[in-house]
Amino acid sequence: IWLSREDGTLQISRTVREENETGLVVPLGLVISIDVKAEGKMVILSLSPPLPPMGFSVPFMAEGHNLQMVALAPSQKDLWPTLATLRFWFQNLVLYGPRVL
């Protein structure tokens, strides 16, 4: 997963992409919570209101369904930079997770 922040949005792309694949564009204001699960193996961003499917999520979504959560699975070496980046970008949110983090 590759994260970037542009124009008030969170840009999420897969590091290994299909040809002409686009990423997810999540407006920062839609992220209402950040939960770290499985001792950092998964970071879940909850969205409200739900976001229509776009980019690489389209093939995985049933028609008429929207994204209520986006799960990130950073590698062990990328966990701390990912959490630090999310804390910086979302200073208004509390990051929930195990105390070991």
PDB file of N, CA and C in Angstrom:
ATOM      1  N   ILE A   1       0.849  -1.181   0.000  1.00  0.00           N
ATOM      2  CA  ILE A   1       0.000   0.000   0.000  1.00  0.00           C
ATOM      3  C   ILE A   1       0.886   1.233   0.000  1.00  0.00           C
ATOM      4  N   TRP A   2       0.493   2.217  -0.776  1.00  0.00           N
ATOM      5  CA  TRP A   2       1.204   3.488  -0.846  1.00  0.00           C
ATOM      6  C   TRP A   2       0.226   4.572  -0.446  1.00  0.00           C
ATOM      7  N   LEU A   3       0.608   5.440   0.497  1.00  0.00           N
ATOM      8  CA  LEU A   3      -0.257   6.520   0.966  1.00  0.00           C
ATOM      9  C   LEU A   3       0.327   7.861   0.561  1.00  0.00           C
ATOM     10  N   SER A   4      -0.521   8.764   0.168  1.00  0.00           N
ATOM     11  CA  SER A   4      -0.109  10.152  -0.027  1.00  0.00           C
ATOM     12  C   SER A   4      -1.305  11.037   0.294  1.00  0.00           C
ATOM     13  N   ARG A   5      -1.021  12.291   0.547  1.00  0.00           N
ATOM     14  CA  ARG A   5      -2.084  13.223   0.919  1.00  0.00           C
ATOM     15  C   ARG A   5      -2.020  14.412  -0.027  1.00  0.00           C
ATOM     16  N   GLU A   6      -3.119  14.626  -0.744  1.00  0.00           N
ATOM     17  CA  GLU A   6      -3.182  15.726  -1.708  1.00  0.00           C
ATOM     18  C   GLU A   6      -4.563  16.360  -1.675  1.00  0.00           C
ATOM     19  N   ASP A   7      -4.611  17.669  -1.708  1.00  0.00           N
ATOM     20  CA  ASP A   7      -5.873  18.412  -1.848  1.00  0.00           C
ATOM     21  C   ASP A   7      -6.954  17.940  -0.887  1.00  0.00           C
ATOM     22  N   GLY A   8      -6.605  17.697   0.373  1.00  0.00           N
ATOM     23  CA  GLY A   8      -7.602  17.298   1.350  1.00  0.00           C
ATOM     24  C   GLY A   8      -8.102  15.879   1.193  1.00  0.00           C
ATOM     25  N   THR A   9      -7.331  15.046   0.489  1.00  0.00           N
ATOM     26  CA  THR A   9      -7.725  13.648   0.305  1.00  0.00           C
ATOM     27  C   THR A   9      -6.569  12.730   0.665  1.00  0.00           C
ATOM     28  N   LEU A  10      -6.907  11.510   1.022  1.00  0.00           N
ATOM     29  CA  LEU A  10      -5.940  10.462   1.261  1.00  0.00           C
ATOM     30  C   LEU A  10      -5.906   9.601   0.002  1.00  0.00           C
ATOM     31  N   GLN A  11      -4.752   9.499  -0.630  1.00  0.00           N
ATOM     32  CA  GLN A  11      -4.599   8.714  -1.856  1.00  0.00           C
ATOM     33  C   GLN A  11      -4.018   7.356  -1.471  1.00  0.00           C
ATOM     34  N   ILE A  12      -4.720   6.279  -1.757  1.00  0.00           N
ATOM     35  CA  ILE A  12      -4.271   4.938  -1.393  1.00  0.00           C
ATOM     36  C   ILE A  12      -4.074   4.142  -2.678  1.00  0.00           C
ATOM     37  N   SER A  13      -2.866   3.632  -2.862  1.00  0.00           N
ATOM     38  CA  SER A  13      -2.546   2.831  -4.042  1.00  0.00           C
ATOM     39  C   SER A  13      -1.877   1.543  -3.609  1.00  0.00           C
ATOM     40  N   ARG A  14      -2.042   0.513  -4.399  1.00  0.00           N
ATOM     41  CA  ARG A  14      -1.313  -0.725  -4.141  1.00  0.00           C
ATOM     42  C   ARG A  14       0.091  -0.575  -4.699  1.00  0.00           C
ATOM     43  N   THR A  15       1.068  -1.143  -4.015  1.00  0.00           N
ATOM     44  CA  THR A  15       2.447  -1.023  -4.497  1.00  0.00           C
ATOM     45  C   THR A  15       2.670  -1.862  -5.746  1.00  0.00           C
ATOM     46  N   VAL A  16       1.950  -2.964  -5.873  1.00  0.00           N
ATOM     47  CA  VAL A  16       1.998  -3.771  -7.100  1.00  0.00           C
ATOM     48  C   VAL A  16       0.667  -3.556  -7.789  1.00  0.00           C
ATOM     49  N   ARG A  17       0.705  -2.785  -8.866  1.00  0.00           N
ATOM     50  CA  ARG A  17      -0.546  -2.404  -9.533  1.00  0.00           C
ATOM     51  C   ARG A  17      -0.688  -3.092 -10.876  1.00  0.00           C
ATOM     52  N   GLU A  18      -1.935  -3.264 -11.240  1.00  0.00           N
ATOM     53  CA  GLU A  18      -2.256  -3.710 -12.587  1.00  0.00           C
ATOM     54  C   GLU A  18      -2.066  -2.523 -13.525  1.00  0.00           C
ATOM     55  N   GLU A  19      -1.917  -2.788 -14.793  1.00  0.00           N
ATOM     56  CA  GLU A  19      -1.757  -1.709 -15.768  1.00  0.00           C
ATOM     57  C   GLU A  19      -2.972  -0.782 -15.736  1.00  0.00           C
ATOM     58  N   ASN A  20      -2.741   0.509 -15.735  1.00  0.00           N
ATOM     59  CA  ASN A  20      -3.781   1.552 -15.715  1.00  0.00           C
ATOM     60  C   ASN A  20      -4.694   1.498 -14.491  1.00  0.00           C
ATOM     61  N   GLU A  21      -4.251   0.863 -13.417  1.00  0.00           N
ATOM     62  CA  GLU A  21      -5.063   0.777 -12.207  1.00  0.00           C
ATOM     63  C   GLU A  21      -4.992   2.097 -11.439  1.00  0.00           C
ATOM     64  N   THR A  22      -6.141   2.537 -10.962  1.00  0.00           N
ATOM     65  CA  THR A  22      -6.173   3.750 -10.144  1.00  0.00           C
ATOM     66  C   THR A  22      -6.371   3.363  -8.686  1.00  0.00           C
ATOM     67  N   GLY A  23      -6.014   4.263  -7.807  1.00  0.00           N
ATOM     68  CA  GLY A  23      -6.138   4.004  -6.381  1.00  0.00           C
ATOM     69  C   GLY A  23      -7.449   4.517  -5.824  1.00  0.00           C
ATOM     70  N   LEU A  24      -7.542   4.460  -4.503  1.00  0.00           N
ATOM     71  CA  LEU A  24      -8.690   5.020  -3.799  1.00  0.00           C
ATOM     72  C   LEU A  24      -8.382   6.461  -3.445  1.00  0.00           C
ATOM     73  N   VAL A  25      -9.367   7.313  -3.540  1.00  0.00           N
ATOM     74  CA  VAL A  25      -9.230   8.700  -3.130  1.00  0.00           C
ATOM     75  C   VAL A  25     -10.267   8.920  -2.031  1.00  0.00           C
ATOM     76  N   VAL A  26      -9.788   9.066  -0.796  1.00  0.00           N
ATOM     77  CA  VAL A  26     -10.677   9.199   0.355  1.00  0.00           C
ATOM     78  C   VAL A  26     -10.566  10.617   0.909  1.00  0.00           C
ATOM     79  N   PRO A  27     -11.639  11.405   0.870  1.00  0.00           N
ATOM     80  CA  PRO A  27     -11.587  12.724   1.497  1.00  0.00           C
ATOM     81  C   PRO A  27     -11.257  12.584   2.990  1.00  0.00           C
ATOM     82  N   LEU A  28     -10.315  13.380   3.473  1.00  0.00           N
ATOM     83  CA  LEU A  28      -9.866  13.262   4.857  1.00  0.00           C
ATOM     84  C   LEU A  28     -11.010  13.386   5.847  1.00  0.00           C
ATOM     85  N   GLY A  29     -11.985  14.214   5.524  1.00  0.00           N
ATOM     86  CA  GLY A  29     -13.120  14.422   6.423  1.00  0.00           C
ATOM     87  C   GLY A  29     -14.018  13.213   6.603  1.00  0.00           C
ATOM     88  N   LEU A  30     -13.889  12.204   5.732  1.00  0.00           N
ATOM     89  CA  LEU A  30     -14.716  11.008   5.860  1.00  0.00           C
ATOM     90  C   LEU A  30     -14.154  10.017   6.861  1.00  0.00           C
ATOM     91  N   VAL A  31     -12.879  10.127   7.208  1.00  0.00           N
ATOM     92  CA  VAL A  31     -12.259   9.187   8.146  1.00  0.00           C
ATOM     93  C   VAL A  31     -12.683   9.578   9.554  1.00  0.00           C
ATOM     94  N   ILE A  32     -13.451   8.676  10.205  1.00  0.00           N
ATOM     95  CA  ILE A  32     -13.981   8.996  11.535  1.00  0.00           C
ATOM     96  C   ILE A  32     -13.258   8.248  12.646  1.00  0.00           C
ATOM     97  N   SER A  33     -12.546   7.173  12.317  1.00  0.00           N
ATOM     98  CA  SER A  33     -11.772   6.476  13.339  1.00  0.00           C
ATOM     99  C   SER A  33     -10.662   5.663  12.681  1.00  0.00           C
ATOM    100  N   ILE A  34      -9.617   5.415  13.487  1.00  0.00           N
ATOM    101  CA  ILE A  34      -8.486   4.601  13.046  1.00  0.00           C
ATOM    102  C   ILE A  34      -8.250   3.557  14.130  1.00  0.00           C
ATOM    103  N   ASP A  35      -8.361   2.284  13.772  1.00  0.00           N
ATOM    104  CA  ASP A  35      -8.157   1.181  14.710  1.00  0.00           C
ATOM    105  C   ASP A  35      -6.999   0.320  14.226  1.00  0.00           C
ATOM    106  N   VAL A  36      -6.098   0.003  15.155  1.00  0.00           N
ATOM    107  CA  VAL A  36      -4.987  -0.892  14.849  1.00  0.00           C
ATOM    108  C   VAL A  36      -5.353  -2.251  15.416  1.00  0.00           C
ATOM    109  N   LYS A  37      -5.364  -3.256  14.569  1.00  0.00           N
ATOM    110  CA  LYS A  37      -5.760  -4.603  14.969  1.00  0.00           C
ATOM    111  C   LYS A  37      -4.594  -5.565  14.811  1.00  0.00           C
ATOM    112  N   ALA A  38      -4.698  -6.704  15.484  1.00  0.00           N
ATOM    113  CA  ALA A  38      -3.727  -7.787  15.348  1.00  0.00           C
ATOM    114  C   ALA A  38      -2.299  -7.300  15.571  1.00  0.00           C
ATOM    115  N   GLU A  39      -2.126  -6.497  16.625  1.00  0.00           N
ATOM    116  CA  GLU A  39      -0.807  -5.972  16.998  1.00  0.00           C
ATOM    117  C   GLU A  39      -0.105  -5.277  15.838  1.00  0.00           C
ATOM    118  N   GLY A  40      -0.874  -4.524  15.077  1.00  0.00           N
ATOM    119  CA  GLY A  40      -0.301  -3.715  14.016  1.00  0.00           C
ATOM    120  C   GLY A  40      -0.315  -4.338  12.642  1.00  0.00           C
ATOM    121  N   LYS A  41      -0.828  -5.544  12.527  1.00  0.00           N
ATOM    122  CA  LYS A  41      -0.844  -6.182  11.210  1.00  0.00           C
ATOM    123  C   LYS A  41      -1.926  -5.607  10.317  1.00  0.00           C
ATOM    124  N   MET A  42      -2.865  -4.871  10.917  1.00  0.00           N
ATOM    125  CA  MET A  42      -3.928  -4.263  10.137  1.00  0.00           C
ATOM    126  C   MET A  42      -4.322  -2.924  10.756  1.00  0.00           C
ATOM    127  N   VAL A  43      -4.464  -1.914   9.910  1.00  0.00           N
ATOM    128  CA  VAL A  43      -4.913  -0.596  10.335  1.00  0.00           C
ATOM    129  C   VAL A  43      -6.212  -0.325   9.601  1.00  0.00           C
ATOM    130  N   ILE A  44      -7.287  -0.110  10.350  1.00  0.00           N
ATOM    131  CA  ILE A  44      -8.612   0.042   9.752  1.00  0.00           C
ATOM    132  C   ILE A  44      -9.068   1.489   9.868  1.00  0.00           C
ATOM    133  N   LEU A  45      -9.368   2.090   8.727  1.00  0.00           N
ATOM    134  CA  LEU A  45      -9.924   3.440   8.670  1.00  0.00           C
ATOM    135  C   LEU A  45     -11.428   3.309   8.465  1.00  0.00           C
ATOM    136  N   SER A  46     -12.223   3.809   9.402  1.00  0.00           N
ATOM    137  CA  SER A  46     -13.680   3.781   9.250  1.00  0.00           C
ATOM    138  C   SER A  46     -14.118   5.079   8.593  1.00  0.00           C
ATOM    139  N   LEU A  47     -15.065   4.966   7.657  1.00  0.00           N
ATOM    140  CA  LEU A  47     -15.516   6.107   6.867  1.00  0.00           C
ATOM    141  C   LEU A  47     -16.987   6.411   7.129  1.00  0.00           C
ATOM    142  N   SER A  48     -17.304   7.683   7.184  1.00  0.00           N
ATOM    143  CA  SER A  48     -18.701   8.091   7.280  1.00  0.00           C
ATOM    144  C   SER A  48     -18.847   9.450   6.606  1.00  0.00           C
ATOM    145  N   PRO A  49     -19.763   9.558   5.669  1.00  0.00           N
ATOM    146  CA  PRO A  49     -20.611   8.503   5.124  1.00  0.00           C
ATOM    147  C   PRO A  49     -19.787   7.547   4.264  1.00  0.00           C
ATOM    148  N   PRO A  50     -20.331   6.353   3.998  1.00  0.00           N
ATOM    149  CA  PRO A  50     -19.623   5.390   3.159  1.00  0.00           C
ATOM    150  C   PRO A  50     -19.298   5.973   1.783  1.00  0.00           C
ATOM    151  N   LEU A  51     -18.233   5.479   1.207  1.00  0.00           N
ATOM    152  CA  LEU A  51     -17.708   5.989  -0.060  1.00  0.00           C
ATOM    153  C   LEU A  51     -18.042   5.020  -1.198  1.00  0.00           C
ATOM    154  N   PRO A  52     -18.512   5.524  -2.341  1.00  0.00           N
ATOM    155  CA  PRO A  52     -18.750   4.619  -3.475  1.00  0.00           C
ATOM    156  C   PRO A  52     -17.434   3.958  -3.910  1.00  0.00           C
ATOM    157  N   PRO A  53     -17.483   2.730  -4.398  1.00  0.00           N
ATOM    158  CA  PRO A  53     -16.271   2.043  -4.832  1.00  0.00           C
ATOM    159  C   PRO A  53     -15.576   2.802  -5.959  1.00  0.00           C
ATOM    160  N   MET A  54     -14.251   2.757  -5.940  1.00  0.00           N
ATOM    161  CA  MET A  54     -13.463   3.386  -6.995  1.00  0.00           C
ATOM    162  C   MET A  54     -12.120   2.689  -7.076  1.00  0.00           C
ATOM    163  N   GLY A  55     -11.419   2.947  -8.141  1.00  0.00           N
ATOM    164  CA  GLY A  55     -10.070   2.416  -8.290  1.00  0.00           C
ATOM    165  C   GLY A  55     -10.028   0.905  -8.161  1.00  0.00           C
ATOM    166  N   PHE A  56      -9.026   0.415  -7.441  1.00  0.00           N
ATOM    167  CA  PHE A  56      -8.836  -1.027  -7.349  1.00  0.00           C
ATOM    168  C   PHE A  56      -9.895  -1.725  -6.502  1.00  0.00           C
ATOM    169  N   SER A  57     -10.784  -0.975  -5.809  1.00  0.00           N
ATOM    170  CA  SER A  57     -11.819  -1.614  -4.992  1.00  0.00           C
ATOM    171  C   SER A  57     -13.005  -2.103  -5.824  1.00  0.00           C
ATOM    172  N   VAL A  58     -13.191  -1.564  -7.011  1.00  0.00           N
ATOM    173  CA  VAL A  58     -14.389  -1.876  -7.816  1.00  0.00           C
ATOM    174  C   VAL A  58     -14.571  -3.372  -8.063  1.00  0.00           C
ATOM    175  N   PRO A  59     -13.541  -4.115  -8.486  1.00  0.00           N
ATOM    176  CA  PRO A  59     -13.764  -5.540  -8.754  1.00  0.00           C
ATOM    177  C   PRO A  59     -14.152  -6.350  -7.513  1.00  0.00           C
ATOM    178  N   PHE A  60     -13.888  -5.819  -6.326  1.00  0.00           N
ATOM    179  CA  PHE A  60     -14.160  -6.556  -5.094  1.00  0.00           C
ATOM    180  C   PHE A  60     -15.498  -6.205  -4.460  1.00  0.00           C
ATOM    181  N   MET A  61     -16.191  -5.209  -5.000  1.00  0.00           N
ATOM    182  CA  MET A  61     -17.416  -4.719  -4.381  1.00  0.00           C
ATOM    183  C   MET A  61     -18.643  -5.198  -5.145  1.00  0.00           C
ATOM    184  N   ALA A  62     -19.651  -5.622  -4.386  1.00  0.00           N
ATOM    185  CA  ALA A  62     -20.925  -5.976  -4.999  1.00  0.00           C
ATOM    186  C   ALA A  62     -21.625  -4.691  -5.428  1.00  0.00           C
ATOM    187  N   GLU A  63     -22.371  -4.773  -6.502  1.00  0.00           N
ATOM    188  CA  GLU A  63     -23.062  -3.586  -7.010  1.00  0.00           C
ATOM    189  C   GLU A  63     -23.991  -3.019  -5.943  1.00  0.00           C
ATOM    190  N   GLY A  64     -23.969  -1.703  -5.794  1.00  0.00           N
ATOM    191  CA  GLY A  64     -24.820  -1.027  -4.828  1.00  0.00           C
ATOM    192  C   GLY A  64     -24.219  -0.908  -3.434  1.00  0.00           C
ATOM    193  N   HIS A  65     -23.058  -1.531  -3.191  1.00  0.00           N
ATOM    194  CA  HIS A  65     -22.423  -1.440  -1.884  1.00  0.00           C
ATOM    195  C   HIS A  65     -21.383  -0.326  -1.880  1.00  0.00           C
ATOM    196  N   ASN A  66     -21.137   0.229  -0.719  1.00  0.00           N
ATOM    197  CA  ASN A  66     -20.163   1.299  -0.548  1.00  0.00           C
ATOM    198  C   ASN A  66     -19.105   0.893   0.462  1.00  0.00           C
ATOM    199  N   LEU A  67     -17.982   1.615   0.427  1.00  0.00           N
ATOM    200  CA  LEU A  67     -16.888   1.345   1.359  1.00  0.00           C
ATOM    201  C   LEU A  67     -17.171   2.008   2.701  1.00  0.00           C
ATOM    202  N   GLN A  68     -17.287   1.213   3.753  1.00  0.00           N
ATOM    203  CA  GLN A  68     -17.471   1.746   5.095  1.00  0.00           C
ATOM    204  C   GLN A  68     -16.156   1.744   5.856  1.00  0.00           C
ATOM    205  N   MET A  69     -15.231   0.883   5.414  1.00  0.00           N
ATOM    206  CA  MET A  69     -13.920   0.767   6.030  1.00  0.00           C
ATOM    207  C   MET A  69     -12.881   0.494   4.963  1.00  0.00           C
ATOM    208  N   VAL A  70     -11.670   0.950   5.236  1.00  0.00           N
ATOM    209  CA  VAL A  70     -10.526   0.625   4.386  1.00  0.00           C
ATOM    210  C   VAL A  70      -9.479   0.038   5.315  1.00  0.00           C
ATOM    211  N   ALA A  71      -9.018  -1.175   5.016  1.00  0.00           N
ATOM    212  CA  ALA A  71      -8.014  -1.832   5.839  1.00  0.00           C
ATOM    213  C   ALA A  71      -6.661  -1.748   5.145  1.00  0.00           C
ATOM    214  N   LEU A  72      -5.665  -1.305   5.889  1.00  0.00           N
ATOM    215  CA  LEU A  72      -4.293  -1.255   5.410  1.00  0.00           C
ATOM    216  C   LEU A  72      -3.521  -2.362   6.116  1.00  0.00           C
ATOM    217  N   ALA A  73      -2.631  -3.025   5.413  1.00  0.00           N
ATOM    218  CA  ALA A  73      -1.822  -4.091   6.001  1.00  0.00           C
ATOM    219  C   ALA A  73      -0.342  -3.782   5.778  1.00  0.00           C
ATOM    220  N   PRO A  74       0.208  -2.862   6.588  1.00  0.00           N
ATOM    221  CA  PRO A  74       1.614  -2.505   6.397  1.00  0.00           C
ATOM    222  C   PRO A  74       2.533  -3.654   6.809  1.00  0.00           C
ATOM    223  N   SER A  75       3.681  -3.740   6.156  1.00  0.00           N
ATOM    224  CA  SER A  75       4.673  -4.730   6.568  1.00  0.00           C
ATOM    225  C   SER A  75       5.206  -4.319   7.934  1.00  0.00           C
ATOM    226  N   GLN A  76       5.884  -5.225   8.618  1.00  0.00           N
ATOM    227  CA  GLN A  76       6.396  -4.926   9.951  1.00  0.00           C
ATOM    228  C   GLN A  76       7.323  -3.712   9.932  1.00  0.00           C
ATOM    229  N   LYS A  77       8.167  -3.612   8.899  1.00  0.00           N
ATOM    230  CA  LYS A  77       9.099  -2.483   8.827  1.00  0.00           C
ATOM    231  C   LYS A  77       8.379  -1.167   8.489  1.00  0.00           C
ATOM    232  N   ASP A  78       7.202  -1.251   7.876  1.00  0.00           N
ATOM    233  CA  ASP A  78       6.450  -0.050   7.516  1.00  0.00           C
ATOM    234  C   ASP A  78       5.405   0.354   8.551  1.00  0.00           C
ATOM    235  N   LEU A  79       5.236  -0.461   9.594  1.00  0.00           N
ATOM    236  CA  LEU A  79       4.180  -0.196  10.575  1.00  0.00           C
ATOM    237  C   LEU A  79       4.366   1.152  11.259  1.00  0.00           C
ATOM    238  N   TRP A  80       5.525   1.409  11.860  1.00  0.00           N
ATOM    239  CA  TRP A  80       5.731   2.653  12.601  1.00  0.00           C
ATOM    240  C   TRP A  80       5.639   3.880  11.699  1.00  0.00           C
ATOM    241  N   PRO A  81       6.270   3.879  10.516  1.00  0.00           N
ATOM    242  CA  PRO A  81       6.088   5.047   9.638  1.00  0.00           C
ATOM    243  C   PRO A  81       4.629   5.263   9.233  1.00  0.00           C
ATOM    244  N   THR A  82       3.889   4.175   9.010  1.00  0.00           N
ATOM    245  CA  THR A  82       2.470   4.295   8.646  1.00  0.00           C
ATOM    246  C   THR A  82       1.679   4.914   9.791  1.00  0.00           C
ATOM    247  N   LEU A  83       1.887   4.415  11.010  1.00  0.00           N
ATOM    248  CA  LEU A  83       1.159   4.952  12.164  1.00  0.00           C
ATOM    249  C   LEU A  83       1.537   6.402  12.437  1.00  0.00           C
ATOM    250  N   ALA A  84       2.820   6.722  12.321  1.00  0.00           N
ATOM    251  CA  ALA A  84       3.252   8.104  12.546  1.00  0.00           C
ATOM    252  C   ALA A  84       2.637   9.037  11.510  1.00  0.00           C
ATOM    253  N   THR A  85       2.583   8.591  10.265  1.00  0.00           N
ATOM    254  CA  THR A  85       1.986   9.398   9.195  1.00  0.00           C
ATOM    255  C   THR A  85       0.503   9.623   9.453  1.00  0.00           C
ATOM    256  N   LEU A  86      -0.213   8.558   9.816  1.00  0.00           N
ATOM    257  CA  LEU A  86      -1.649   8.687  10.075  1.00  0.00           C
ATOM    258  C   LEU A  86      -1.908   9.580  11.296  1.00  0.00           C
ATOM    259  N   ARG A  87      -1.078   9.449  12.328  1.00  0.00           N
ATOM    260  CA  ARG A  87      -1.237  10.326  13.498  1.00  0.00           C
ATOM    261  C   ARG A  87      -1.045  11.786  13.108  1.00  0.00           C
ATOM    262  N   PHE A  88      -0.068  12.058  12.258  1.00  0.00           N
ATOM    263  CA  PHE A  88       0.196  13.430  11.833  1.00  0.00           C
ATOM    264  C   PHE A  88      -0.945  13.971  10.977  1.00  0.00           C
ATOM    265  N   TRP A  89      -1.434  13.153  10.036  1.00  0.00           N
ATOM    266  CA  TRP A  89      -2.494  13.594   9.136  1.00  0.00           C
ATOM    267  C   TRP A  89      -3.837  13.731   9.838  1.00  0.00           C
ATOM    268  N   PHE A  90      -4.079  12.889  10.840  1.00  0.00           N
ATOM    269  CA  PHE A  90      -5.379  12.868  11.519  1.00  0.00           C
ATOM    270  C   PHE A  90      -5.206  13.213  12.993  1.00  0.00           C
ATOM    271  N   GLN A  91      -4.679  14.376  13.264  1.00  0.00           N
ATOM    272  CA  GLN A  91      -4.413  14.792  14.635  1.00  0.00           C
ATOM    273  C   GLN A  91      -5.693  14.942  15.454  1.00  0.00           C
ATOM    274  N   ASN A  92      -6.819  15.112  14.797  1.00  0.00           N
ATOM    275  CA  ASN A  92      -8.095  15.274  15.492  1.00  0.00           C
ATOM    276  C   ASN A  92      -8.700  13.938  15.927  1.00  0.00           C
ATOM    277  N   LEU A  93      -8.144  12.808  15.465  1.00  0.00           N
ATOM    278  CA  LEU A  93      -8.684  11.496  15.797  1.00  0.00           C
ATOM    279  C   LEU A  93      -7.799  10.788  16.809  1.00  0.00           C
ATOM    280  N   VAL A  94      -8.423   9.946  17.624  1.00  0.00           N
ATOM    281  CA  VAL A  94      -7.682   9.082  18.533  1.00  0.00           C
ATOM    282  C   VAL A  94      -7.381   7.788  17.782  1.00  0.00           C
ATOM    283  N   LEU A  95      -6.137   7.344  17.851  1.00  0.00           N
ATOM    284  CA  LEU A  95      -5.751   6.092  17.210  1.00  0.00           C
ATOM    285  C   LEU A  95      -5.926   4.979  18.232  1.00  0.00           C
ATOM    286  N   TYR A  96      -6.802   4.033  17.958  1.00  0.00           N
ATOM    287  CA  TYR A  96      -7.095   2.937  18.886  1.00  0.00           C
ATOM    288  C   TYR A  96      -6.276   1.722  18.512  1.00  0.00           C
ATOM    289  N   GLY A  97      -5.787   1.002  19.523  1.00  0.00           N
ATOM    290  CA  GLY A  97      -5.028  -0.211  19.241  1.00  0.00           C
ATOM    291  C   GLY A  97      -4.404  -0.782  20.491  1.00  0.00           C
ATOM    292  N   PRO A  98      -3.651  -1.858  20.319  1.00  0.00           N
ATOM    293  CA  PRO A  98      -2.991  -2.497  21.467  1.00  0.00           C
ATOM    294  C   PRO A  98      -1.988  -1.554  22.127  1.00  0.00           C
ATOM    295  N   ARG A  99      -1.827  -1.693  23.424  1.00  0.00           N
ATOM    296  CA  ARG A  99      -0.893  -0.846  24.166  1.00  0.00           C
ATOM    297  C   ARG A  99       0.550  -1.044  23.732  1.00  0.00           C
ATOM    298  N   VAL A 100       0.886  -2.202  23.161  1.00  0.00           N
ATOM    299  CA  VAL A 100       2.270  -2.463  22.754  1.00  0.00           C
ATOM    300  C   VAL A 100       2.704  -1.537  21.629  1.00  0.00           C
ATOM    301  N   LEU A 101       1.739  -0.897  20.960  1.00  0.00           N
ATOM    302  CA  LEU A 101       2.092   0.015  19.875  1.00  0.00           C
ATOM    303  C   LEU A 101       2.303   1.383  20.441  1.00  0.00           C
TER     304      LEU A 101
END
